[in-house]
Protein backbone atom coordinates (compact mmCIF):
# COMPACT_ATOMS: atom_id res chain seq x y z
CA MET A 1 52.77 -126.40 -74.76
CA ARG A 2 56.19 -125.02 -74.84
CA PHE A 3 59.13 -125.09 -72.30
CA ARG A 4 60.20 -121.45 -71.21
CA LEU A 5 65.05 -118.35 -63.81
CA ASN A 6 63.17 -117.84 -60.94
CA LEU A 7 64.48 -114.59 -59.38
CA PHE A 8 62.72 -114.94 -56.07
CA LEU A 9 61.63 -117.72 -53.72
CA LEU A 10 57.99 -118.81 -53.95
CA ILE A 11 55.77 -118.20 -50.95
CA VAL A 12 53.81 -121.27 -50.01
CA ILE A 13 50.54 -120.60 -48.22
CA VAL A 14 47.92 -122.99 -46.95
CA VAL A 15 44.18 -122.57 -47.57
CA ALA A 16 41.16 -124.72 -46.91
CA ALA A 17 39.87 -126.43 -50.03
CA ALA A 18 36.12 -126.13 -50.48
CA GLY A 19 34.48 -129.49 -50.02
CA CYS A 20 37.75 -131.17 -49.00
CA ALA A 21 38.95 -132.29 -45.61
CA GLY A 22 42.21 -130.80 -44.39
CA LYS A 23 44.21 -128.07 -46.06
CA VAL A 24 45.80 -127.85 -49.47
CA PRO A 25 49.09 -126.06 -50.09
CA VAL A 26 49.03 -123.66 -52.98
CA ILE A 27 51.65 -121.41 -54.47
CA ALA A 28 51.29 -117.67 -54.76
CA PRO A 29 54.00 -115.84 -56.67
CA PRO A 30 55.30 -113.20 -54.26
CA GLN A 31 56.64 -110.77 -56.83
CA SER A 32 54.53 -107.72 -56.01
CA GLU A 33 57.09 -105.71 -57.97
CA ALA A 34 56.05 -107.55 -61.15
CA VAL A 35 52.91 -105.39 -61.51
CA PHE A 36 51.62 -102.03 -60.33
CA ARG A 37 48.08 -100.76 -60.02
CA VAL A 38 46.88 -98.30 -62.68
CA ASN A 39 43.67 -96.43 -63.38
CA ILE A 40 41.76 -98.64 -65.78
CA ALA A 41 39.86 -95.63 -67.12
CA ASP A 42 43.13 -94.36 -68.60
CA ILE A 43 43.49 -97.46 -70.84
CA ASP A 44 41.97 -97.50 -74.30
CA LEU A 45 40.36 -100.96 -74.15
CA THR A 46 39.86 -101.35 -77.90
CA ASP A 47 39.87 -104.95 -79.09
CA ASP A 48 40.82 -105.56 -82.73
CA LEU A 49 39.33 -109.07 -83.03
CA GLU A 50 35.92 -110.70 -83.06
CA THR A 51 34.61 -111.91 -79.69
CA ASP A 52 34.02 -115.60 -80.52
CA SER A 53 37.72 -116.40 -80.11
CA LEU A 54 37.79 -114.46 -76.84
CA ASP A 55 34.82 -116.39 -75.50
CA LEU A 56 36.54 -119.67 -76.39
CA ALA A 57 39.76 -118.64 -74.62
CA ILE A 58 37.76 -117.59 -71.53
CA GLU A 59 36.02 -120.97 -71.47
CA ARG A 60 39.38 -122.72 -71.45
CA SER A 61 40.62 -120.71 -68.45
CA LEU A 62 37.35 -121.37 -66.63
CA HIS A 63 37.84 -125.08 -67.22
CA TYR A 64 41.29 -124.77 -65.65
CA TYR A 65 39.93 -122.96 -62.57
CA ASN A 66 37.26 -125.62 -62.20
CA GLY A 67 39.88 -128.38 -62.35
CA ALA A 68 43.64 -128.40 -61.93
CA GLY A 69 43.82 -124.74 -60.88
CA ARG A 70 40.92 -124.70 -58.43
CA ASN A 71 43.17 -124.26 -55.35
CA ASP A 72 45.54 -121.69 -56.83
CA VAL A 73 46.15 -118.41 -55.04
CA TYR A 74 47.94 -115.51 -56.73
CA ARG A 75 49.48 -112.23 -55.62
CA LEU A 76 49.16 -109.01 -57.60
CA ALA A 77 50.59 -105.81 -56.12
CA GLY A 78 50.08 -107.12 -52.58
CA ARG A 79 46.55 -108.40 -53.25
CA LEU A 80 45.91 -112.13 -52.75
CA ILE A 81 43.48 -113.51 -55.31
CA THR A 82 42.01 -117.00 -55.18
CA ALA A 83 41.10 -119.18 -58.13
CA GLY A 84 37.46 -118.58 -57.23
CA GLN A 85 37.95 -114.83 -57.63
CA MET A 86 39.75 -115.37 -60.93
CA LYS A 87 36.85 -117.47 -62.11
CA GLU A 88 34.35 -114.82 -61.02
CA SER A 89 36.34 -112.18 -62.88
CA LEU A 90 36.12 -114.15 -66.11
CA GLN A 91 32.42 -114.86 -65.70
CA SER A 92 31.68 -111.19 -65.06
CA PHE A 93 33.80 -110.10 -68.00
CA ARG A 94 32.07 -112.59 -70.28
CA GLN A 95 28.68 -111.25 -69.22
CA ILE A 96 29.78 -107.70 -69.95
CA ILE A 97 30.76 -108.70 -73.47
CA LYS A 98 27.36 -110.30 -74.05
CA ASP A 99 25.27 -107.51 -72.52
CA SER A 100 27.07 -104.41 -73.77
CA SER A 101 25.21 -102.40 -76.38
CA SER A 102 28.31 -100.82 -77.92
CA PRO A 103 32.11 -100.80 -77.61
CA ASP A 104 31.88 -97.65 -75.46
CA ASP A 105 29.30 -99.28 -73.20
CA MET A 106 31.57 -102.31 -72.81
CA LYS A 107 34.58 -100.13 -71.90
CA ASN A 108 32.52 -98.20 -69.34
CA ARG A 109 31.29 -101.41 -67.69
CA ILE A 110 34.78 -102.88 -67.52
CA SER A 111 36.14 -99.64 -66.01
CA ARG A 112 33.35 -99.70 -63.42
CA ASP A 113 33.77 -103.34 -62.35
CA PHE A 114 37.47 -104.15 -62.80
CA ASP A 115 40.89 -103.18 -61.42
CA ALA A 116 43.89 -103.09 -63.74
CA TYR A 117 47.47 -104.09 -62.95
CA ARG A 118 50.23 -103.22 -65.38
CA ALA A 119 53.26 -105.48 -65.81
CA ALA A 120 56.34 -103.59 -64.61
CA GLY A 121 58.60 -105.07 -67.28
CA GLN A 122 62.31 -105.63 -66.89
CA ASP A 123 63.01 -101.95 -66.17
CA GLY A 124 60.08 -101.45 -63.79
CA ASN A 125 58.52 -98.80 -66.04
CA GLY A 126 56.04 -101.02 -67.90
CA GLY A 127 57.96 -101.85 -71.05
CA VAL A 128 57.39 -105.48 -72.06
CA LEU A 129 58.99 -107.32 -74.97
CA PHE A 130 56.49 -109.26 -77.09
CA THR A 131 57.37 -112.11 -79.41
CA GLY A 132 55.19 -114.68 -81.16
CA TYR A 133 54.99 -118.44 -81.53
CA TYR A 134 52.95 -120.64 -83.83
CA GLU A 135 52.06 -124.21 -84.78
CA PRO A 136 54.11 -125.29 -87.81
CA LEU A 137 53.02 -127.60 -90.65
CA LEU A 138 55.44 -130.29 -91.87
CA THR A 139 55.12 -133.00 -94.50
CA GLY A 140 55.83 -136.49 -93.27
CA SER A 141 55.16 -140.20 -93.05
CA LEU A 142 54.48 -142.86 -90.44
CA THR A 143 57.19 -145.00 -92.03
CA PRO A 144 60.71 -143.99 -93.11
CA THR A 145 61.33 -143.42 -96.82
CA GLN A 146 64.04 -141.86 -98.93
CA GLN A 147 62.06 -138.60 -98.77
CA TYR A 148 60.97 -138.83 -95.14
CA LYS A 149 64.03 -139.77 -93.10
CA TYR A 150 64.24 -137.37 -90.16
CA PRO A 151 62.52 -138.89 -87.11
CA LEU A 152 60.40 -137.54 -84.28
CA TYR A 153 61.05 -139.62 -81.16
CA ARG A 154 58.71 -140.57 -78.34
CA THR A 155 59.97 -140.37 -74.74
CA PRO A 156 62.66 -143.04 -74.19
CA PRO A 157 62.11 -145.41 -71.25
CA ASP A 158 65.60 -144.61 -69.91
CA LEU A 159 65.05 -140.83 -69.93
CA ALA A 160 65.79 -140.57 -66.20
CA GLN A 161 69.40 -141.66 -66.34
CA ILE A 162 71.12 -142.63 -63.10
CA LYS A 163 74.89 -143.06 -62.90
CA ASN A 164 76.68 -143.73 -59.60
CA THR A 165 73.37 -143.04 -57.77
CA LYS A 166 73.16 -139.54 -59.33
CA SER A 167 70.76 -138.28 -61.97
CA VAL A 168 72.56 -137.10 -65.10
CA PRO A 169 71.35 -135.19 -68.16
CA TYR A 170 70.01 -137.28 -71.00
CA TYR A 171 71.68 -137.47 -74.40
CA SER A 172 72.26 -134.16 -76.17
CA ARG A 173 70.99 -133.13 -79.61
CA ARG A 174 74.41 -134.01 -81.05
CA GLU A 175 74.24 -137.56 -79.65
CA ILE A 176 70.63 -138.10 -80.78
CA ASP A 177 70.51 -136.54 -84.24
CA ALA A 178 74.12 -136.62 -85.46
CA GLY A 179 75.22 -139.66 -83.43
CA GLY A 180 72.02 -141.71 -83.86
CA ILE A 181 72.12 -142.97 -80.28
CA LEU A 182 68.35 -143.73 -80.28
CA ARG A 183 68.15 -145.46 -83.65
CA GLY A 184 66.88 -149.02 -83.75
CA GLN A 185 64.95 -148.76 -80.46
CA ASN A 186 61.49 -148.40 -82.02
CA LEU A 187 61.08 -144.91 -80.55
CA GLU A 188 60.21 -143.13 -83.81
CA ILE A 189 56.59 -141.96 -84.12
CA ALA A 190 56.93 -140.28 -87.53
CA TRP A 191 59.46 -139.13 -90.08
CA VAL A 192 59.55 -135.75 -91.86
CA ALA A 193 61.19 -134.42 -95.01
CA ASP A 194 63.23 -131.47 -93.75
CA PRO A 195 65.60 -131.32 -90.76
CA VAL A 196 65.32 -127.52 -90.47
CA ASP A 197 61.53 -127.69 -90.28
CA LEU A 198 61.91 -130.44 -87.69
CA PHE A 199 64.25 -128.25 -85.63
CA PHE A 200 61.72 -125.42 -85.64
CA LEU A 201 59.06 -127.90 -84.55
CA HIS A 202 61.33 -128.58 -81.55
CA ILE A 203 61.48 -124.84 -80.88
CA GLN A 204 57.70 -124.33 -81.12
CA GLY A 205 56.85 -127.50 -79.20
CA SER A 206 53.82 -128.60 -81.20
CA GLY A 207 52.70 -128.76 -84.79
CA LYS A 208 50.97 -130.73 -87.50
CA ILE A 209 52.32 -133.35 -89.88
CA LYS A 210 50.61 -133.75 -93.25
CA LEU A 211 50.78 -137.29 -94.60
CA GLU A 212 50.82 -138.14 -98.32
CA ASN A 213 47.13 -139.11 -98.16
CA GLY A 214 46.30 -135.62 -96.89
CA LYS A 215 45.64 -136.62 -93.29
CA LEU A 216 46.84 -134.18 -90.63
CA LEU A 217 48.36 -135.47 -87.41
CA THR A 218 49.00 -133.20 -84.43
CA VAL A 219 52.08 -133.71 -82.26
CA GLY A 220 53.01 -132.03 -79.00
CA VAL A 221 55.68 -132.06 -76.33
CA ASP A 222 55.73 -135.16 -74.17
CA ASN A 223 59.10 -134.58 -72.51
CA THR A 224 62.60 -133.13 -72.99
CA ASN A 225 66.13 -134.34 -72.46
CA GLY A 226 66.36 -131.97 -69.49
CA ARG A 227 69.10 -129.83 -70.97
CA PRO A 228 68.77 -126.01 -70.83
CA TYR A 229 67.25 -123.82 -73.50
CA ARG A 230 69.88 -121.68 -75.25
CA PRO A 231 69.12 -118.57 -77.34
CA THR A 232 70.44 -118.16 -80.87
CA PRO A 233 74.16 -117.29 -80.72
CA GLY A 234 75.22 -113.89 -82.03
CA SER A 235 77.61 -115.49 -84.52
CA VAL A 236 74.70 -117.15 -86.33
CA LEU A 237 72.64 -113.96 -86.42
CA ASP A 238 75.63 -111.98 -87.66
CA GLN A 239 76.22 -114.46 -90.48
CA VAL A 240 72.54 -114.36 -91.50
CA ARG A 241 72.67 -110.56 -91.57
CA LEU A 242 75.77 -110.75 -93.74
CA ASP A 243 74.28 -113.26 -96.18
CA LYS A 244 70.63 -112.16 -96.19
CA GLY A 245 70.61 -108.51 -95.18
CA ASN A 246 68.71 -109.07 -91.91
CA ALA A 247 68.22 -111.79 -89.35
CA SER A 248 64.47 -112.20 -89.65
CA TYR A 249 62.88 -115.50 -88.67
CA LYS A 250 62.35 -116.57 -92.29
CA ASN A 251 65.87 -115.57 -93.29
CA VAL A 252 67.38 -117.62 -90.47
CA LYS A 253 65.33 -120.58 -91.66
CA ALA A 254 66.35 -120.09 -95.31
CA TRP A 255 69.99 -119.65 -94.31
CA LEU A 256 69.94 -122.95 -92.42
CA LYS A 257 68.32 -124.77 -95.36
CA ASN A 258 71.24 -123.79 -97.57
CA LYS A 259 73.69 -125.68 -95.36
CA SER A 260 74.87 -129.24 -95.92
CA ILE A 261 73.55 -131.76 -93.41
CA ASP A 262 76.94 -131.87 -91.64
CA GLU A 263 77.11 -128.05 -91.45
CA LEU A 264 73.50 -127.94 -90.28
CA TYR A 265 74.03 -130.43 -87.47
CA GLU A 266 77.16 -128.59 -86.36
CA ILE A 267 75.08 -125.41 -85.97
CA LEU A 268 72.02 -127.05 -84.42
CA ASN A 269 74.10 -129.05 -81.93
CA TYR A 270 74.53 -125.78 -80.04
CA TYR A 271 70.89 -126.18 -79.02
CA GLU A 272 71.23 -129.08 -76.58
CA ARG A 273 67.59 -129.17 -75.49
CA TYR A 274 65.75 -131.94 -77.32
CA ILE A 275 62.00 -132.53 -77.46
CA PHE A 276 60.29 -135.91 -77.33
CA PHE A 277 56.84 -135.88 -78.91
CA ARG A 278 53.49 -137.60 -78.69
CA PHE A 279 50.41 -137.57 -80.87
CA VAL A 280 47.55 -135.46 -79.51
CA ASP A 281 43.92 -135.55 -80.57
CA LYS A 282 43.16 -131.86 -80.13
CA GLU A 283 44.61 -128.40 -80.61
CA PRO A 284 47.99 -127.35 -79.16
CA ILE A 285 47.98 -127.60 -75.37
CA GLY A 286 49.33 -124.82 -73.15
CA SER A 287 50.90 -125.10 -69.72
CA LEU A 288 47.44 -125.15 -68.07
CA GLY A 289 46.64 -128.44 -69.77
CA GLU A 290 44.08 -126.60 -71.92
CA PRO A 291 44.20 -125.81 -75.65
CA VAL A 292 45.62 -122.42 -76.58
CA THR A 293 43.60 -120.08 -78.78
CA PRO A 294 45.16 -118.32 -81.78
CA SER A 295 45.68 -114.59 -81.18
CA ARG A 296 44.04 -114.87 -77.72
CA SER A 297 46.50 -116.95 -75.67
CA ILE A 298 49.77 -115.60 -74.30
CA ALA A 299 52.73 -117.24 -72.59
CA THR A 300 54.39 -115.53 -69.60
CA ASP A 301 56.60 -116.51 -66.67
CA PRO A 302 54.36 -118.30 -64.10
CA ASP A 303 56.66 -117.14 -61.31
CA PHE A 304 55.41 -113.60 -61.90
CA PHE A 305 51.92 -113.64 -63.42
CA PRO A 306 48.70 -115.57 -62.60
CA ALA A 307 47.89 -118.59 -64.72
CA GLY A 308 44.69 -118.37 -66.72
CA ALA A 309 44.16 -114.68 -66.01
CA LEU A 310 42.40 -112.15 -68.21
CA ALA A 311 44.86 -109.65 -69.66
CA PHE A 312 44.97 -106.80 -72.14
CA ILE A 313 47.87 -106.10 -74.50
CA ARG A 314 48.88 -103.03 -76.53
CA LEU A 315 51.72 -103.10 -79.06
CA SER A 316 52.55 -102.83 -82.77
CA LYS A 317 52.97 -105.41 -85.50
CA PRO A 318 54.54 -105.36 -88.96
CA VAL A 319 52.33 -104.33 -91.87
CA SER A 320 52.63 -106.79 -94.75
CA GLY A 321 50.88 -107.69 -97.98
CA ILE A 322 50.75 -104.18 -99.43
CA GLU A 323 53.52 -102.78 -101.60
CA GLY A 324 55.40 -99.95 -99.94
CA ASN A 325 54.64 -101.12 -96.39
CA ALA A 326 58.06 -102.69 -95.75
CA GLY A 327 59.26 -101.74 -92.29
CA LYS A 328 55.96 -100.10 -91.28
CA ARG A 329 54.20 -101.01 -88.04
CA ALA A 330 50.55 -100.84 -87.07
CA ALA A 331 49.32 -100.48 -83.49
CA PHE A 332 46.87 -103.07 -82.18
CA SER A 333 45.34 -104.06 -78.85
CA ARG A 334 43.17 -106.90 -77.59
CA PHE A 335 42.05 -108.96 -74.60
CA VAL A 336 44.01 -112.18 -74.09
CA LEU A 337 44.25 -115.04 -71.59
CA ASN A 338 47.48 -116.04 -69.83
CA GLN A 339 47.50 -119.75 -70.72
CA ASP A 340 51.05 -120.85 -71.49
CA LYS A 341 54.74 -120.56 -70.58
CA GLY A 342 58.02 -121.02 -72.44
CA SER A 343 61.68 -121.76 -71.80
CA ALA A 344 62.71 -118.36 -73.24
CA ILE A 345 59.90 -116.42 -71.55
CA LYS A 346 61.45 -115.42 -68.24
CA GLY A 347 60.86 -112.50 -65.91
CA PRO A 348 58.17 -109.79 -65.79
CA GLY A 349 59.20 -108.23 -69.09
CA ARG A 350 58.46 -111.01 -71.59
CA VAL A 351 55.30 -112.14 -73.38
CA ASP A 352 54.86 -114.66 -76.19
CA LEU A 353 51.66 -114.39 -78.26
CA PHE A 354 50.27 -117.57 -79.83
CA CYS A 355 49.68 -116.69 -83.48
CA GLY A 356 47.98 -119.88 -84.69
CA PHE A 357 48.69 -122.50 -87.34
CA GLY A 358 50.41 -122.53 -90.72
CA GLU A 359 52.35 -120.16 -92.95
CA THR A 360 50.47 -116.95 -92.10
CA ALA A 361 50.90 -117.61 -88.39
CA GLU A 362 54.59 -118.35 -88.98
CA THR A 363 55.04 -115.05 -90.81
CA ILE A 364 53.37 -113.08 -88.01
CA ALA A 365 55.19 -114.92 -85.22
CA GLY A 366 58.53 -114.66 -86.99
CA SER A 367 58.28 -110.91 -87.45
CA LEU A 368 56.89 -110.04 -84.01
CA LYS A 369 59.49 -108.55 -81.68
CA GLU A 370 57.97 -105.42 -80.18
CA LYS A 371 57.94 -103.41 -76.96
CA GLY A 372 54.40 -103.07 -75.66
CA GLU A 373 52.11 -102.96 -72.64
CA LEU A 374 50.60 -105.80 -70.60
CA TYR A 375 47.73 -105.35 -68.14
CA PHE A 376 45.92 -107.88 -65.94
CA LEU A 377 42.23 -107.29 -65.21
CA ILE A 378 40.65 -108.52 -61.96
CA LYS A 379 37.13 -107.85 -60.75
CA LYS A 380 36.96 -105.27 -57.95
């Protein structure tokens, strides 16, 4: 769904594929230092959400293990785990949820049947930085108008540029948006009303466009210009703090919307990575090729953690909506599935939580920047 430095070499191992002749190479991340075994009985496995969304997220990981991920092999704290074992873990966990008579009964069954592996984090002590992402809503049109004049482009046919027999990076954001290098090539798939909203669509990677007749169209990443992701420069954050009091997600967005188009492009040109979109006929798709589930899907670095795996998170989130709660945090915990990756989500100390669609999801995602705990659960 979204595009997120590999610190170690990958170990390639060969296993026999069930029902297939020959052997299939699969990749097992070798970073045993990325997690360490813990006593699952010491974890308070309280889940703050209803189980229907969890069941849906589990189904999507199972679909991955039955298809594209069926030959995967992973390494956790020196233990090699096949896709078949990952699948069995999810099936057993799902049965526990259905059969348990109470939350305490569920926790006891999980503790009896599962091992837990805690993410070591960047410092090796288990501290993980959580952020959030969401699916934005923009207003737009399938034809350009005076109101809708900022285009989303499909993948250009000359994306793989070759000069003097060498591959070179494709056009930058400056050349595409400010320079108009792609105009007149019939590459536009839609036009939207606000260039700042469009930029944040590029950051999130997928979203919905509401047409004037009320119809909603979903767009997602088809490709990029191949240029690197760059984090927000400190100069921008410092200026937002000066003008707005703090550099929250919404304040950055509001600050950008107060700029002239020339000033805006000068700022945004720093972000050279450019997204090319396509229309999709289902919910936002994660890196597994499966839809991501609001509040139940996380993005991590696939060089460190197993794709599709069952995980448990513990952290805090901002309390909003009640007067006097400004700056207050509330602890929460829940089971999640590792179903995505992102260009900014690198190393064993980063997690991005998919918060869903629309303004509420944007508010949650924009305010989420918390240290927390990440555990992976595998059947014994």
